[in-house]
Amino acid sequence: MKNTIVVVFTFLFLNNPVVEKVDFWGPTGHRTIGKIAENHLTKKAKRTIDKLLGGESLAFVSTYADQIKSDKKYRKFYPWHYVNLPLDANYADSEKNPKGDLVTAITTCISILKDKNATQEDRAFYLKLLVHFIGDLHQPLHMGQKEDKGGNGIRVKWFNKGSNLHTVWDSKMIEQWNMSYLELASNAKDLSKNQIKAVQKGTVLDWVSETHQITKKAYASAKSGDNLKYRYSYDHFATVRQQLQRGGIRLAKVLNDIFG
C-alpha cells in the first residue's frame, strides 16, 4: 500500500503542470551580467567597488536583492524588481506604482551611491541592489503586463513540464544551454569599441523602452498551453544572450559614471 501511494504521488507530481513563479533572471543570468560588467570597469571604479564590497565580486553580489526577499524587513524592495507596463504604453505615460518600481529603484540606488554623506554600509547595500536591478531591467518580462504578472500567469510547458513564460525567459533557456556564468560571459559576442559605446548610449528610460520592444516580441512568441522545446530556444536564446551582454556593459557604464 505504501509503495502504491508513493507511485501515485510521483505520477501526480511529475505530470501536474504547476506554474513556477520566478521574478528575476536566474542566478546564472545575474552572475553573467555581473561578470561582463567587471570586464568593462575602469581601474578606479574597480578599486572603489572592491573596497565597498569587501572583495566580493559583482557576480557574487548580483543575486543579493533576490536573497533578501526571504527576510520580511526587506519587503518594501519587492516592487523594485519590475515595471508594470502595458504593451501599448511607454513608461513616461504609464500608471506608476506608489511603492516604487524598477526605474525609481535604479534612480534611488544611484543617488545614494553618489551621496558623499551616505554611510559605507548603505553604499554597499545599494550597490548590491543596483547590480541586480540593472540586470532585471534587461529581462524583457520585467516590463510586462500587470494582469499576468509579467508573464507569470501565462502557463506554458518547457520540455513537457509545467512552467510559465516569465520563467522560460528568466532561467529555463539559460539552464537548457547548460553553461556556467563564466562560460556565458567569456563567450559574449566580441564588440568593437564603437559598438560598446553604442550599447552604453542613452538613459535608463531609453533602455527601458528598448527592452520593452523585446517584451512585446516575447509576449507574441507563445500562448498559454504551448509546449516549448528546442525550437523556441533556437529562436530566442540569442536575444537572451544579447540582453545579458547589454546589461553587463550598461552596468559597467553606470558604475564607471558613479565611481570614475
Protein backbone atom coordinates (compact mmCIF):
# COMPACT_ATOMS: atom_id res chain seq x y z
CA MET A 1 0.00 0.00 0.00
CA LYS A 2 2.84 2.38 0.93
CA ASN A 3 4.57 1.79 -2.39
CA THR A 4 1.32 2.46 -4.25
CA ILE A 5 0.92 5.83 -2.53
CA VAL A 6 4.48 6.78 -3.44
CA VAL A 7 3.93 5.80 -7.07
CA VAL A 8 0.67 7.75 -7.30
CA PHE A 9 2.22 10.82 -5.68
CA THR A 10 5.21 10.68 -8.01
CA PHE A 11 2.95 10.39 -11.05
CA LEU A 12 0.82 13.35 -9.98
CA PHE A 13 3.85 15.48 -9.15
CA LEU A 14 5.61 14.85 -12.43
CA ASN A 15 2.51 15.33 -14.55
CA ASN A 16 0.91 18.28 -12.82
CA PRO A 17 1.59 21.47 -14.83
CA VAL A 18 2.49 23.52 -11.78
CA VAL A 19 3.29 27.10 -12.67
CA GLU A 20 6.68 28.14 -11.40
CA LYS A 21 6.81 31.71 -10.13
CA VAL A 22 10.19 33.31 -10.68
CA ASP A 23 10.51 37.08 -10.64
CA PHE A 24 14.09 37.60 -11.76
CA TRP A 25 16.86 36.42 -14.05
CA GLY A 26 18.02 33.12 -12.61
CA PRO A 27 21.31 33.25 -10.63
CA THR A 28 23.29 32.29 -13.73
CA GLY A 29 21.87 35.21 -15.71
CA HIS A 30 22.57 37.77 -13.00
CA ARG A 31 26.08 36.46 -12.40
CA THR A 32 26.78 36.58 -16.13
CA ILE A 33 25.79 40.26 -16.18
CA GLY A 34 27.99 40.94 -13.15
CA LYS A 35 30.98 39.23 -14.71
CA ILE A 36 30.58 41.04 -18.04
CA ALA A 37 30.36 44.34 -16.15
CA GLU A 38 33.62 43.61 -14.34
CA ASN A 39 35.35 43.31 -17.72
CA HIS A 40 34.33 46.89 -18.60
CA LEU A 41 35.10 48.74 -15.37
CA THR A 42 37.74 51.44 -15.09
CA LYS A 43 40.62 50.75 -12.70
CA LYS A 44 39.38 53.44 -10.32
CA ALA A 45 35.86 52.03 -10.28
CA LYS A 46 37.23 48.53 -9.67
CA ARG A 47 39.23 49.71 -6.65
CA THR A 48 36.31 51.59 -5.12
CA ILE A 49 33.87 48.74 -5.69
CA ASP A 50 36.31 46.18 -4.31
CA LYS A 51 36.66 48.24 -1.15
CA LEU A 52 32.90 48.75 -0.76
CA LEU A 53 32.12 45.07 -1.26
CA GLY A 54 34.97 43.78 0.86
CA GLY A 55 36.49 41.89 -2.02
CA GLU A 56 33.26 40.25 -3.18
CA SER A 57 32.74 40.31 -6.95
CA LEU A 58 29.85 41.88 -8.84
CA ALA A 59 28.91 38.38 -9.97
CA PHE A 60 28.77 37.21 -6.35
CA VAL A 61 26.58 40.09 -5.09
CA SER A 62 24.34 40.12 -8.18
CA THR A 63 21.77 37.82 -6.55
CA TYR A 64 21.68 39.63 -3.21
CA ALA A 65 18.45 41.51 -3.99
CA ASP A 66 16.71 38.16 -4.52
CA GLN A 67 18.22 36.55 -1.44
CA ILE A 68 16.85 39.24 0.90
CA LYS A 69 13.29 38.58 -0.31
CA SER A 70 13.09 35.87 2.35
CA ASP A 71 13.55 38.49 5.09
CA LYS A 72 10.37 40.41 5.91
CA LYS A 73 12.24 43.57 6.83
CA TYR A 74 13.19 43.96 3.16
CA ARG A 75 9.64 43.51 1.88
CA LYS A 76 9.41 47.12 0.67
CA PHE A 77 12.02 46.37 -2.00
CA TYR A 78 9.94 43.69 -3.71
CA PRO A 79 8.20 46.04 -6.21
CA TRP A 80 11.59 47.43 -7.18
CA HIS A 81 12.30 44.37 -9.34
CA TYR A 82 9.84 45.18 -12.14
CA VAL A 83 7.70 47.70 -14.00
CA ASN A 84 4.05 47.04 -14.82
CA LEU A 85 3.84 48.31 -18.38
CA PRO A 86 1.03 47.68 -20.89
CA LEU A 87 2.28 46.55 -24.28
CA ASP A 88 0.93 49.67 -26.00
CA ALA A 89 2.31 52.14 -23.43
CA ASN A 90 5.61 53.78 -22.58
CA TYR A 91 6.98 54.31 -19.09
CA ALA A 92 6.55 58.08 -19.03
CA ASP A 93 2.80 57.85 -19.68
CA SER A 94 2.10 54.68 -17.69
CA GLU A 95 0.46 54.39 -14.29
CA LYS A 96 3.16 54.31 -11.62
CA ASN A 97 3.31 52.02 -8.61
CA PRO A 98 3.23 54.24 -5.48
CA LYS A 99 5.52 51.71 -3.80
CA GLY A 100 8.17 52.22 -6.46
CA ASP A 101 9.34 50.22 -9.44
CA LEU A 102 12.47 49.18 -11.27
CA VAL A 103 13.12 52.66 -12.68
CA THR A 104 12.73 54.50 -9.38
CA ALA A 105 14.79 51.76 -7.72
CA ILE A 106 17.74 52.35 -10.03
CA THR A 107 17.44 56.12 -9.59
CA THR A 108 17.42 55.75 -5.80
CA CYS A 109 20.43 53.43 -5.78
CA ILE A 110 22.47 55.78 -7.96
CA SER A 111 21.52 58.77 -5.82
CA ILE A 112 22.66 57.08 -2.60
CA LEU A 113 25.90 55.86 -4.16
CA LYS A 114 26.69 59.42 -5.25
CA ASP A 115 25.83 60.86 -1.84
CA LYS A 116 29.08 61.65 -0.02
CA ASN A 117 27.18 61.71 3.28
CA ALA A 118 25.85 58.17 2.87
CA THR A 119 27.40 55.57 5.16
CA GLN A 120 29.67 52.89 3.75
CA GLU A 121 27.13 50.32 4.89
CA ASP A 122 24.34 52.00 2.93
CA ARG A 123 26.50 52.45 -0.14
CA ALA A 124 27.47 48.78 -0.12
CA PHE A 125 23.83 47.73 0.31
CA TYR A 126 22.52 49.89 -2.54
CA LEU A 127 25.44 48.93 -4.76
CA LYS A 128 24.37 45.29 -4.43
CA LEU A 129 20.81 46.25 -5.28
CA LEU A 130 21.89 48.32 -8.27
CA VAL A 131 23.89 45.43 -9.74
CA HIS A 132 20.77 43.29 -9.58
CA PHE A 133 18.29 45.87 -10.83
CA ILE A 134 20.30 46.82 -13.91
CA GLY A 135 20.15 43.11 -14.70
CA ASP A 136 16.40 42.98 -14.15
CA LEU A 137 15.96 45.98 -16.44
CA HIS A 138 17.24 43.85 -19.33
CA GLN A 139 14.92 40.88 -18.69
CA PRO A 140 12.00 41.53 -21.08
CA LEU A 141 9.30 40.12 -18.82
CA HIS A 142 10.21 42.62 -16.10
CA MET A 143 8.49 45.17 -18.32
CA GLY A 144 5.38 43.02 -18.52
CA GLN A 145 1.66 43.41 -18.07
CA LYS A 146 0.19 43.77 -14.59
CA GLU A 147 -2.72 41.42 -15.29
CA ASP A 148 -0.50 38.39 -15.98
CA LYS A 149 2.29 39.42 -13.59
CA GLY A 150 4.90 39.83 -16.29
CA GLY A 151 4.16 36.50 -17.96
CA ASN A 152 3.99 34.51 -14.71
CA GLY A 153 0.31 33.93 -15.44
CA ILE A 154 0.91 32.62 -18.96
CA ARG A 155 1.08 28.89 -18.38
CA VAL A 156 3.28 27.01 -20.80
CA LYS A 157 5.27 23.81 -20.72
CA TRP A 158 9.02 23.66 -21.04
CA PHE A 159 10.02 20.30 -22.49
CA ASN A 160 6.70 18.80 -21.30
CA LYS A 161 6.97 20.15 -17.74
CA GLY A 162 4.74 22.88 -16.31
CA SER A 163 6.19 26.37 -16.32
CA ASN A 164 5.30 29.91 -17.38
CA LEU A 165 6.56 32.40 -19.92
CA HIS A 166 8.35 34.52 -17.33
CA THR A 167 10.34 31.58 -16.03
CA VAL A 168 11.28 30.46 -19.53
CA TRP A 169 12.89 33.85 -20.17
CA ASP A 170 14.35 34.15 -16.67
CA SER A 171 16.11 30.85 -16.43
CA LYS A 172 14.85 27.91 -18.49
CA MET A 173 16.56 28.85 -21.75
CA ILE A 174 19.79 29.59 -19.87
CA GLU A 175 19.63 26.32 -17.94
CA GLN A 176 18.91 24.35 -21.11
CA TRP A 177 22.12 25.72 -22.61
CA ASN A 178 23.95 24.21 -19.61
CA MET A 179 26.78 26.76 -19.34
CA SER A 180 28.19 28.41 -16.23
CA TYR A 181 28.07 32.18 -15.85
CA LEU A 182 31.80 32.30 -16.53
CA GLU A 183 31.31 30.41 -19.79
CA LEU A 184 28.42 32.65 -20.83
CA ALA A 185 30.38 35.80 -20.01
CA SER A 186 33.54 34.68 -21.78
CA ASN A 187 31.53 33.71 -24.86
CA ALA A 188 29.71 37.02 -25.14
CA LYS A 189 29.83 38.49 -28.62
CA ASP A 190 33.04 40.33 -29.50
CA LEU A 191 32.22 44.01 -29.87
CA SER A 192 34.36 46.85 -31.16
CA LYS A 193 34.91 49.98 -29.05
CA ASN A 194 32.38 51.82 -31.17
CA GLN A 195 29.83 49.04 -30.72
CA ILE A 196 30.35 49.10 -26.96
CA LYS A 197 29.87 52.87 -26.92
CA ALA A 198 26.65 52.43 -28.90
CA VAL A 199 25.34 49.97 -26.29
CA GLN A 200 26.27 52.36 -23.49
CA LYS A 201 24.43 55.30 -25.00
CA GLY A 202 21.15 56.54 -23.64
CA THR A 203 19.44 56.85 -20.29
CA VAL A 204 17.76 54.31 -18.05
CA LEU A 205 14.43 55.27 -19.66
CA ASP A 206 15.92 54.68 -23.12
CA TRP A 207 16.99 51.21 -22.01
CA VAL A 208 13.53 50.54 -20.58
CA SER A 209 11.98 51.50 -23.91
CA GLU A 210 14.41 49.27 -25.80
CA THR A 211 13.75 46.28 -23.53
CA HIS A 212 10.02 46.86 -23.80
CA GLN A 213 10.20 46.35 -27.56
CA ILE A 214 11.60 42.89 -26.84
CA THR A 215 8.86 42.38 -24.24
CA LYS A 216 6.27 42.69 -27.00
CA LYS A 217 8.05 40.03 -29.04
CA ALA A 218 8.28 37.75 -26.00
CA TYR A 219 4.53 38.01 -25.43
CA ALA A 220 3.87 37.26 -29.09
CA SER A 221 6.22 34.27 -29.06
CA ALA A 222 3.98 31.91 -27.09
CA LYS A 223 0.47 31.45 -25.74
CA SER A 224 -0.96 29.60 -22.77
CA GLY A 225 -0.73 25.85 -23.22
CA ASP A 226 2.20 25.87 -25.64
CA ASN A 227 4.84 23.19 -25.16
CA LEU A 228 8.12 25.00 -25.73
CA LYS A 229 11.18 23.00 -26.71
CA TYR A 230 14.38 23.20 -28.76
CA ARG A 231 12.88 25.36 -31.49
CA TYR A 232 11.88 28.04 -29.01
CA SER A 233 15.37 28.15 -27.56
CA TYR A 234 16.81 28.23 -31.08
CA ASP A 235 14.63 31.22 -31.95
CA HIS A 236 15.11 33.23 -28.76
CA PHE A 237 18.28 32.32 -26.87
CA ALA A 238 20.32 34.74 -28.98
CA THR A 239 18.10 37.52 -27.62
CA VAL A 240 18.72 36.31 -24.06
CA ARG A 241 22.47 36.42 -24.65
CA GLN A 242 22.17 39.86 -26.21
CA GLN A 243 20.29 41.16 -23.16
CA LEU A 244 22.81 39.67 -20.74
CA GLN A 245 25.63 41.39 -22.59
CA ARG A 246 23.80 44.71 -22.81
CA GLY A 247 23.03 44.51 -19.10
CA GLY A 248 26.69 43.91 -18.23
CA ILE A 249 28.05 46.67 -20.45
CA ARG A 250 25.48 49.17 -19.20
CA LEU A 251 26.00 48.20 -15.57
CA ALA A 252 29.69 48.97 -16.03
CA LYS A 253 28.80 52.32 -17.63
CA VAL A 254 26.61 53.29 -14.67
CA LEU A 255 29.26 52.22 -12.16
CA ASN A 256 32.05 54.00 -14.03
CA ASP A 257 29.96 57.17 -14.05
CA ILE A 258 29.48 56.88 -10.27
CA PHE A 259 32.96 55.81 -9.22
CA GLY A 260 35.11 57.20 -12.00
